[in-house]
Amino acid sequence: MLTDEQKKLITKGLSRGVADTQIAEAIGVKHMQVFNYRKSIGVSSQQVVEARYDTWIRLLEAGMSVDLVASMYQVKPESVLNSLYRKRDFSYTEAKKRGQKAIEAGFRKAMGLTAQDLQEQRTQAWVRLFDSGMSVEAIADIYKLKASTVRNAIRKATDMKVPSESAHGAFDW
């Protein structure tokens, strides 16, 4: 017989897509008790799987690593990525970018900075690097941007003529 607390934990686990056997192990009951309770509340195994995929996506987009998500659900990291790609057309690379942007936005908010403040600071750094003799192409390589992006930002910030091609070879570290 399941207690009210165990029923709450089972319901919570199911809503996050946790398998019957994992829930049973975590709360110290037999997996058939979890299975029978899940059936009695009308939750199908397919609904649990769909909830699992939703949870995985949320966790990955929040910045959690694939390895951690996989270990939480006792599966291989490849299973997480392959399942999401096949079933949800989910791109981990895109999710990672969104997660990184969310983390950066949280830091900016905590520091009281806007995205524009950060862009201005980055542009100032580019100007200092350019003034020190670094080529636009080298700066762009460091920031993983197109040289034209860096060149245009430096031009706007300084009103100086920035050569289209590096007039003086690449900056040598």
C-alpha atoms as a PDB file:
ATOM      1  CA  MET A   1       0.000   0.000   0.000  1.00  0.00           C
ATOM      2  CA  LEU A   2       1.378   3.384  -1.026  1.00  0.00           C
ATOM      3  CA  THR A   3       1.340   6.331   1.343  1.00  0.00           C
ATOM      4  CA  ASP A   4       0.062   9.755   0.297  1.00  0.00           C
ATOM      5  CA  GLU A   5       3.651  11.019   0.270  1.00  0.00           C
ATOM      6  CA  GLN A   6       4.761   8.170  -2.017  1.00  0.00           C
ATOM      7  CA  LYS A   7       1.850   8.898  -4.347  1.00  0.00           C
ATOM      8  CA  LYS A   8       2.909  12.552  -4.547  1.00  0.00           C
ATOM      9  CA  LEU A   9       6.493  11.546  -5.316  1.00  0.00           C
ATOM     10  CA  ILE A  10       5.343   9.092  -7.994  1.00  0.00           C
ATOM     11  CA  THR A  11       3.160  11.751  -9.609  1.00  0.00           C
ATOM     12  CA  LYS A  12       6.011  14.251  -9.523  1.00  0.00           C
ATOM     13  CA  GLY A  13       8.430  11.729 -11.046  1.00  0.00           C
ATOM     14  CA  LEU A  14       5.993  10.795 -13.779  1.00  0.00           C
ATOM     15  CA  SER A  15       5.410  14.449 -14.636  1.00  0.00           C
ATOM     16  CA  ARG A  16       9.161  14.769 -15.194  1.00  0.00           C
ATOM     17  CA  GLY A  17       9.342  11.636 -17.289  1.00  0.00           C
ATOM     18  CA  VAL A  18      11.080   9.385 -14.788  1.00  0.00           C
ATOM     19  CA  ALA A  19      10.672   5.657 -15.446  1.00  0.00           C
ATOM     20  CA  ASP A  20       8.578   3.489 -13.126  1.00  0.00           C
ATOM     21  CA  THR A  21      11.617   1.456 -12.056  1.00  0.00           C
ATOM     22  CA  GLN A  22      13.638   4.571 -11.207  1.00  0.00           C
ATOM     23  CA  ILE A  23      10.800   6.008  -9.158  1.00  0.00           C
ATOM     24  CA  ALA A  24      10.323   2.701  -7.336  1.00  0.00           C
ATOM     25  CA  GLU A  25      14.021   2.504  -6.531  1.00  0.00           C
ATOM     26  CA  ALA A  26      14.114   6.106  -5.296  1.00  0.00           C
ATOM     27  CA  ILE A  27      11.149   5.793  -2.934  1.00  0.00           C
ATOM     28  CA  GLY A  28      11.746   2.200  -1.832  1.00  0.00           C
ATOM     29  CA  VAL A  29       8.791   0.351  -3.320  1.00  0.00           C
ATOM     30  CA  LYS A  30       8.381  -2.346  -5.965  1.00  0.00           C
ATOM     31  CA  HIS A  31       8.178  -1.165  -9.550  1.00  0.00           C
ATOM     32  CA  MET A  32       4.833  -2.904 -10.004  1.00  0.00           C
ATOM     33  CA  GLN A  33       3.368  -0.668  -7.296  1.00  0.00           C
ATOM     34  CA  VAL A  34       4.470   2.382  -9.290  1.00  0.00           C
ATOM     35  CA  PHE A  35       3.185   0.800 -12.505  1.00  0.00           C
ATOM     36  CA  ASN A  36      -0.216   0.029 -10.963  1.00  0.00           C
ATOM     37  CA  TYR A  37      -0.521   3.516  -9.464  1.00  0.00           C
ATOM     38  CA  ARG A  38       0.457   5.119 -12.796  1.00  0.00           C
ATOM     39  CA  LYS A  39      -2.249   3.071 -14.538  1.00  0.00           C
ATOM     40  CA  SER A  40      -4.815   3.930 -11.862  1.00  0.00           C
ATOM     41  CA  ILE A  41      -4.293   7.665 -12.410  1.00  0.00           C
ATOM     42  CA  GLY A  42      -4.533   7.225 -16.172  1.00  0.00           C
ATOM     43  CA  VAL A  43      -0.962   8.055 -17.187  1.00  0.00           C
ATOM     44  CA  SER A  44       0.296   6.033 -20.150  1.00  0.00           C
ATOM     45  CA  SER A  45       3.917   5.087 -20.686  1.00  0.00           C
ATOM     46  CA  GLN A  46       3.877   7.248 -23.830  1.00  0.00           C
ATOM     47  CA  GLN A  47       2.855  10.280 -21.755  1.00  0.00           C
ATOM     48  CA  VAL A  48       5.781   9.602 -19.415  1.00  0.00           C
ATOM     49  CA  VAL A  49       8.169   9.412 -22.370  1.00  0.00           C
ATOM     50  CA  GLU A  50       6.832  12.691 -23.809  1.00  0.00           C
ATOM     51  CA  ALA A  51       7.229  14.335 -20.378  1.00  0.00           C
ATOM     52  CA  ARG A  52      10.801  13.002 -20.286  1.00  0.00           C
ATOM     53  CA  TYR A  53      11.632  14.614 -23.616  1.00  0.00           C
ATOM     54  CA  ASP A  54      10.076  17.910 -22.499  1.00  0.00           C
ATOM     55  CA  THR A  55      12.098  17.821 -19.285  1.00  0.00           C
ATOM     56  CA  TRP A  56      15.327  16.976 -21.095  1.00  0.00           C
ATOM     57  CA  ILE A  57      14.850  19.894 -23.462  1.00  0.00           C
ATOM     58  CA  ARG A  58      14.107  22.282 -20.586  1.00  0.00           C
ATOM     59  CA  LEU A  59      17.176  21.132 -18.661  1.00  0.00           C
ATOM     60  CA  LEU A  60      19.487  21.352 -21.673  1.00  0.00           C
ATOM     61  CA  GLU A  61      18.189  24.786 -22.632  1.00  0.00           C
ATOM     62  CA  ALA A  62      18.741  25.935 -19.046  1.00  0.00           C
ATOM     63  CA  GLY A  63      22.422  25.107 -19.499  1.00  0.00           C
ATOM     64  CA  MET A  64      22.655  21.668 -17.864  1.00  0.00           C
ATOM     65  CA  SER A  65      25.173  19.342 -19.473  1.00  0.00           C
ATOM     66  CA  VAL A  66      24.077  16.331 -21.495  1.00  0.00           C
ATOM     67  CA  ASP A  67      26.116  14.088 -19.212  1.00  0.00           C
ATOM     68  CA  LEU A  68      24.274  15.316 -16.117  1.00  0.00           C
ATOM     69  CA  VAL A  69      20.855  14.939 -17.739  1.00  0.00           C
ATOM     70  CA  ALA A  70      21.777  11.423 -18.862  1.00  0.00           C
ATOM     71  CA  SER A  71      23.013  10.434 -15.411  1.00  0.00           C
ATOM     72  CA  MET A  72      19.821  11.747 -13.790  1.00  0.00           C
ATOM     73  CA  TYR A  73      17.759   9.458 -16.033  1.00  0.00           C
ATOM     74  CA  GLN A  74      20.269   6.597 -15.993  1.00  0.00           C
ATOM     75  CA  VAL A  75      20.802   6.607 -19.756  1.00  0.00           C
ATOM     76  CA  LYS A  76      23.763   7.293 -22.030  1.00  0.00           C
ATOM     77  CA  PRO A  77      24.344  10.883 -23.193  1.00  0.00           C
ATOM     78  CA  GLU A  78      24.049   9.673 -26.794  1.00  0.00           C
ATOM     79  CA  SER A  79      20.583   8.323 -25.997  1.00  0.00           C
ATOM     80  CA  VAL A  80      19.463  11.745 -24.801  1.00  0.00           C
ATOM     81  CA  LEU A  81      20.726  13.525 -27.915  1.00  0.00           C
ATOM     82  CA  ASN A  82      19.624  10.859 -30.386  1.00  0.00           C
ATOM     83  CA  SER A  83      16.155  10.522 -28.878  1.00  0.00           C
ATOM     84  CA  LEU A  84      15.554  14.246 -28.873  1.00  0.00           C
ATOM     85  CA  TYR A  85      16.849  14.644 -32.402  1.00  0.00           C
ATOM     86  CA  ARG A  86      14.739  11.772 -33.761  1.00  0.00           C
ATOM     87  CA  LYS A  87      11.559  12.454 -31.808  1.00  0.00           C
ATOM     88  CA  ARG A  88      11.605  16.227 -31.460  1.00  0.00           C
ATOM     89  CA  ASP A  89      13.975  17.448 -34.205  1.00  0.00           C
ATOM     90  CA  PHE A  90      15.979  18.967 -31.361  1.00  0.00           C
ATOM     91  CA  SER A  91      19.383  20.513 -31.989  1.00  0.00           C
ATOM     92  CA  TYR A  92      21.681  20.404 -28.963  1.00  0.00           C
ATOM     93  CA  THR A  93      23.936  23.014 -30.518  1.00  0.00           C
ATOM     94  CA  GLU A  94      21.064  25.476 -30.748  1.00  0.00           C
ATOM     95  CA  ALA A  95      19.904  24.651 -27.228  1.00  0.00           C
ATOM     96  CA  LYS A  96      23.406  25.184 -25.909  1.00  0.00           C
ATOM     97  CA  LYS A  97      23.493  28.618 -27.533  1.00  0.00           C
ATOM     98  CA  ARG A  98      20.110  29.527 -26.020  1.00  0.00           C
ATOM     99  CA  GLY A  99      21.264  28.246 -22.642  1.00  0.00           C
ATOM    100  CA  GLN A 100      24.465  30.286 -22.832  1.00  0.00           C
ATOM    101  CA  LYS A 101      22.486  33.399 -23.754  1.00  0.00           C
ATOM    102  CA  ALA A 102      20.162  32.828 -20.795  1.00  0.00           C
ATOM    103  CA  ILE A 103      23.124  32.472 -18.439  1.00  0.00           C
ATOM    104  CA  GLU A 104      24.731  35.622 -19.852  1.00  0.00           C
ATOM    105  CA  ALA A 105      21.458  37.517 -19.495  1.00  0.00           C
ATOM    106  CA  GLY A 106      21.272  36.422 -15.850  1.00  0.00           C
ATOM    107  CA  PHE A 107      24.802  37.662 -15.211  1.00  0.00           C
ATOM    108  CA  ARG A 108      24.089  40.964 -16.950  1.00  0.00           C
ATOM    109  CA  LYS A 109      20.940  41.434 -14.896  1.00  0.00           C
ATOM    110  CA  ALA A 110      22.783  40.622 -11.663  1.00  0.00           C
ATOM    111  CA  MET A 111      25.514  43.118 -12.550  1.00  0.00           C
ATOM    112  CA  GLY A 112      23.062  45.772 -13.699  1.00  0.00           C
ATOM    113  CA  LEU A 113      24.432  45.793 -17.263  1.00  0.00           C
ATOM    114  CA  THR A 114      22.533  45.903 -20.510  1.00  0.00           C
ATOM    115  CA  ALA A 115      23.455  44.104 -23.718  1.00  0.00           C
ATOM    116  CA  GLN A 116      24.343  47.513 -25.151  1.00  0.00           C
ATOM    117  CA  ASP A 117      26.786  48.148 -22.270  1.00  0.00           C
ATOM    118  CA  LEU A 118      28.540  44.874 -23.038  1.00  0.00           C
ATOM    119  CA  GLN A 119      28.684  45.643 -26.758  1.00  0.00           C
ATOM    120  CA  GLU A 120      30.244  49.031 -26.017  1.00  0.00           C
ATOM    121  CA  GLN A 121      32.834  47.422 -23.741  1.00  0.00           C
ATOM    122  CA  ARG A 122      33.621  44.838 -26.404  1.00  0.00           C
ATOM    123  CA  THR A 123      33.985  47.532 -29.063  1.00  0.00           C
ATOM    124  CA  GLN A 124      36.311  49.515 -26.795  1.00  0.00           C
ATOM    125  CA  ALA A 125      38.443  46.399 -26.359  1.00  0.00           C
ATOM    126  CA  TRP A 126      38.582  45.976 -30.140  1.00  0.00           C
ATOM    127  CA  VAL A 127      39.685  49.604 -30.567  1.00  0.00           C
ATOM    128  CA  ARG A 128      42.464  49.157 -27.966  1.00  0.00           C
ATOM    129  CA  LEU A 129      43.641  45.962 -29.672  1.00  0.00           C
ATOM    130  CA  PHE A 130      43.580  47.647 -33.087  1.00  0.00           C
ATOM    131  CA  ASP A 131      45.479  50.679 -31.721  1.00  0.00           C
ATOM    132  CA  SER A 132      48.106  48.352 -30.248  1.00  0.00           C
ATOM    133  CA  GLY A 133      48.812  46.971 -33.709  1.00  0.00           C
ATOM    134  CA  MET A 134      46.571  43.932 -33.936  1.00  0.00           C
ATOM    135  CA  SER A 135      44.925  43.419 -37.304  1.00  0.00           C
ATOM    136  CA  VAL A 136      41.165  43.471 -37.706  1.00  0.00           C
ATOM    137  CA  GLU A 137      41.324  39.883 -38.949  1.00  0.00           C
ATOM    138  CA  ALA A 138      43.195  38.741 -35.825  1.00  0.00           C
ATOM    139  CA  ILE A 139      40.667  40.478 -33.562  1.00  0.00           C
ATOM    140  CA  ALA A 140      37.823  38.857 -35.498  1.00  0.00           C
ATOM    141  CA  ASP A 141      39.482  35.442 -35.116  1.00  0.00           C
ATOM    142  CA  ILE A 142      39.738  35.870 -31.348  1.00  0.00           C
ATOM    143  CA  TYR A 143      36.060  36.778 -31.037  1.00  0.00           C
ATOM    144  CA  LYS A 144      34.983  34.242 -33.696  1.00  0.00           C
ATOM    145  CA  LEU A 145      33.363  36.943 -35.822  1.00  0.00           C
ATOM    146  CA  LYS A 146      33.612  38.184 -39.368  1.00  0.00           C
ATOM    147  CA  ALA A 147      36.322  40.765 -39.953  1.00  0.00           C
ATOM    148  CA  SER A 148      33.719  43.116 -41.444  1.00  0.00           C
ATOM    149  CA  THR A 149      31.772  43.100 -38.152  1.00  0.00           C
ATOM    150  CA  VAL A 150      34.851  44.160 -36.185  1.00  0.00           C
ATOM    151  CA  ARG A 151      35.943  46.662 -38.856  1.00  0.00           C
ATOM    152  CA  ASN A 152      32.522  48.349 -38.954  1.00  0.00           C
ATOM    153  CA  ALA A 153      32.318  48.558 -35.151  1.00  0.00           C
ATOM    154  CA  ILE A 154      35.777  50.141 -34.928  1.00  0.00           C
ATOM    155  CA  ARG A 155      34.878  52.627 -37.678  1.00  0.00           C
ATOM    156  CA  LYS A 156      31.675  53.645 -35.877  1.00  0.00           C
ATOM    157  CA  ALA A 157      33.392  53.976 -32.516  1.00  0.00           C
ATOM    158  CA  THR A 158      36.397  55.987 -33.664  1.00  0.00           C
ATOM    159  CA  ASP A 159      35.489  57.711 -36.926  1.00  0.00           C
ATOM    160  CA  MET A 160      38.892  56.549 -38.150  1.00  0.00           C
ATOM    161  CA  LYS A 161      39.716  54.902 -41.418  1.00  0.00           C
ATOM    162  CA  VAL A 162      40.163  51.177 -40.850  1.00  0.00           C
ATOM    163  CA  PRO A 163      41.769  49.420 -43.801  1.00  0.00           C
ATOM    164  CA  SER A 164      39.706  46.789 -45.605  1.00  0.00           C
ATOM    165  CA  GLU A 165      42.599  44.384 -45.571  1.00  0.00           C
ATOM    166  CA  SER A 166      45.273  44.319 -42.929  1.00  0.00           C
ATOM    167  CA  ALA A 167      47.910  46.822 -44.037  1.00  0.00           C
ATOM    168  CA  HIS A 168      50.370  45.417 -41.550  1.00  0.00           C
ATOM    169  CA  GLY A 169      50.528  41.620 -41.188  1.00  0.00           C
ATOM    170  CA  ALA A 170      48.720  39.702 -38.520  1.00  0.00           C
ATOM    171  CA  PHE A 171      49.507  40.604 -34.962  1.00  0.00           C
ATOM    172  CA  ASP A 172      52.168  38.266 -33.647  1.00  0.00           C
ATOM    173  CA  TRP A 173      51.740  37.131 -30.099  1.00  0.00           C
END
